[in-house]
C-alpha atoms as a PDB file:
ATOM      1  CA  MET A   1       0.743 169.234  25.962  1.00  0.00           C
ATOM      2  CA  ASP A   2       3.942 170.940  24.773  1.00  0.00           C
ATOM      3  CA  LEU A   3       6.282 169.870  27.579  1.00  0.00           C
ATOM      4  CA  TYR A   4       6.013 167.292  30.326  1.00  0.00           C
ATOM      5  CA  ILE A   5       8.695 166.947  32.995  1.00  0.00           C
ATOM      6  CA  SER A   6       8.525 164.163  35.557  1.00  0.00           C
ATOM      7  CA  SER A   7      10.808 162.775  38.240  1.00  0.00           C
ATOM      8  CA  SER A   8      11.728 159.938  35.866  1.00  0.00           C
ATOM      9  CA  ASP A   9      13.501 162.550  33.677  1.00  0.00           C
ATOM     10  CA  PHE A  10      16.033 163.210  36.461  1.00  0.00           C
ATOM     11  CA  LYS A  11      18.943 161.096  37.683  1.00  0.00           C
ATOM     12  CA  VAL A  12      20.609 162.287  40.883  1.00  0.00           C
ATOM     13  CA  ILE A  13      24.027 160.858  41.716  1.00  0.00           C
ATOM     14  CA  ASP A  14      25.819 161.482  45.011  1.00  0.00           C
ATOM     15  CA  SER A  15      29.496 162.364  45.510  1.00  0.00           C
ATOM     16  CA  ALA A  16      30.508 158.663  45.608  1.00  0.00           C
ATOM     17  CA  GLY A  17      28.691 157.832  42.355  1.00  0.00           C
ATOM     18  CA  VAL A  18      25.635 156.234  44.024  1.00  0.00           C
ATOM     19  CA  MET A  19      22.199 156.865  42.489  1.00  0.00           C
ATOM     20  CA  ALA A  20      19.815 158.665  44.863  1.00  0.00           C
ATOM     21  CA  SER A  21      16.436 157.182  45.743  1.00  0.00           C
ATOM     22  CA  THR A  22      13.277 159.212  45.160  1.00  0.00           C
ATOM     23  CA  TYR A  23      10.282 159.614  47.402  1.00  0.00           C
ATOM     24  CA  SER A  24       7.289 161.906  47.519  1.00  0.00           C
ATOM     25  CA  VAL A  25       7.088 164.557  50.220  1.00  0.00           C
ATOM     26  CA  THR A  26       3.585 165.762  49.445  1.00  0.00           C
ATOM     27  CA  THR A  27       0.144 164.440  48.623  1.00  0.00           C
ATOM     28  CA  GLU A  28      -0.135 166.902  45.730  1.00  0.00           C
ATOM     29  CA  TYR A  29       0.542 165.330  42.337  1.00  0.00           C
ATOM     30  CA  PRO A  30       1.701 167.034  39.140  1.00  0.00           C
ATOM     31  CA  GLN A  31      -1.046 167.892  36.703  1.00  0.00           C
ATOM     32  CA  GLU A  32      -1.185 168.989  33.101  1.00  0.00           C
ATOM     33  CA  THR A  33      -0.844 172.765  33.228  1.00  0.00           C
ATOM     34  CA  PRO A  34      -1.409 175.183  30.342  1.00  0.00           C
ATOM     35  CA  VAL A  35       1.215 177.758  29.375  1.00  0.00           C
ATOM     36  CA  GLY A  36       1.036 180.710  31.782  1.00  0.00           C
ATOM     37  CA  ALA A  37      -0.519 178.695  34.635  1.00  0.00           C
ATOM     38  CA  LYS A  38       1.200 177.137  37.662  1.00  0.00           C
ATOM     39  CA  CYS A  39       1.058 173.750  39.331  1.00  0.00           C
ATOM     40  CA  ILE A  40       1.796 174.521  42.992  1.00  0.00           C
ATOM     41  CA  GLY A  41       2.550 172.162  45.852  1.00  0.00           C
ATOM     42  CA  THR A  42       4.214 169.274  44.044  1.00  0.00           C
ATOM     43  CA  GLN A  43       7.658 168.238  45.270  1.00  0.00           C
ATOM     44  CA  GLN A  44      10.132 165.428  44.779  1.00  0.00           C
ATOM     45  CA  ALA A  45      12.735 164.411  47.361  1.00  0.00           C
ATOM     46  CA  TYR A  46      15.985 162.519  46.822  1.00  0.00           C
ATOM     47  CA  GLY A  47      17.642 160.403  49.489  1.00  0.00           C
ATOM     48  CA  LEU A  48      21.437 160.456  49.279  1.00  0.00           C
ATOM     49  CA  ILE A  49      23.589 157.667  50.711  1.00  0.00           C
ATOM     50  CA  ASN A  50      26.635 160.008  50.743  1.00  0.00           C
ATOM     51  CA  PRO A  51      25.180 163.498  51.403  1.00  0.00           C
ATOM     52  CA  GLY A  52      28.367 165.618  51.345  1.00  0.00           C
ATOM     53  CA  GLY A  53      30.406 167.030  48.478  1.00  0.00           C
ATOM     54  CA  VAL A  54      28.956 167.536  45.016  1.00  0.00           C
ATOM     55  CA  ILE A  55      25.887 165.836  43.529  1.00  0.00           C
ATOM     56  CA  THR A  56      25.334 165.405  39.812  1.00  0.00           C
ATOM     57  CA  VAL A  57      21.864 165.954  38.367  1.00  0.00           C
ATOM     58  CA  GLN A  58      21.281 164.605  34.859  1.00  0.00           C
ATOM     59  CA  VAL A  59      18.116 165.704  33.047  1.00  0.00           C
ATOM     60  CA  GLU A  60      16.878 164.033  29.869  1.00  0.00           C
ATOM     61  CA  ILE A  61      13.674 165.229  28.189  1.00  0.00           C
ATOM     62  CA  TYR A  62      12.210 164.425  24.779  1.00  0.00           C
ATOM     63  CA  GLY A  63      10.425 167.131  22.765  1.00  0.00           C
ATOM     64  CA  ASN A  64       7.293 166.804  20.632  1.00  0.00           C
ATOM     65  CA  GLY A  65       9.342 165.656  17.650  1.00  0.00           C
ATOM     66  CA  LEU A  66      11.063 163.065  19.875  1.00  0.00           C
ATOM     67  CA  GLU A  67      14.273 165.104  19.850  1.00  0.00           C
ATOM     68  CA  LYS A  68      16.344 164.496  22.972  1.00  0.00           C
ATOM     69  CA  HIS A  69      17.350 167.405  25.232  1.00  0.00           C
ATOM     70  CA  GLU A  70      19.968 166.779  27.918  1.00  0.00           C
ATOM     71  CA  ALA A  71      21.586 168.808  30.680  1.00  0.00           C
ATOM     72  CA  VAL A  72      24.015 167.951  33.483  1.00  0.00           C
ATOM     73  CA  PHE A  73      24.392 170.011  36.651  1.00  0.00           C
ATOM     74  CA  GLU A  74      27.009 169.597  39.369  1.00  0.00           C
ATOM     75  CA  LEU A  75      25.750 171.074  42.631  1.00  0.00           C
ATOM     76  CA  PRO A  76      27.605 171.458  45.947  1.00  0.00           C
ATOM     77  CA  VAL A  77      25.826 169.994  48.964  1.00  0.00           C
ATOM     78  CA  GLY A  78      26.719 171.565  52.284  1.00  0.00           C
END
């Protein structure tokens, strides 16, 4: 498996700095998927205590050589 992304790789923080809770919204679970194929139907939901303003999404993934890859997104919530 070259890349595995799970909900534990994401931290979602609301506009007041409170971490969002996660919960599943489907009975479909992620599965190992070869390059070029699709895993359809899996979803992850985040419950925000303070739903307005801007949320911050931090993503942290480790590659095959255990190198760390990080990204931060600030997204407006309307």
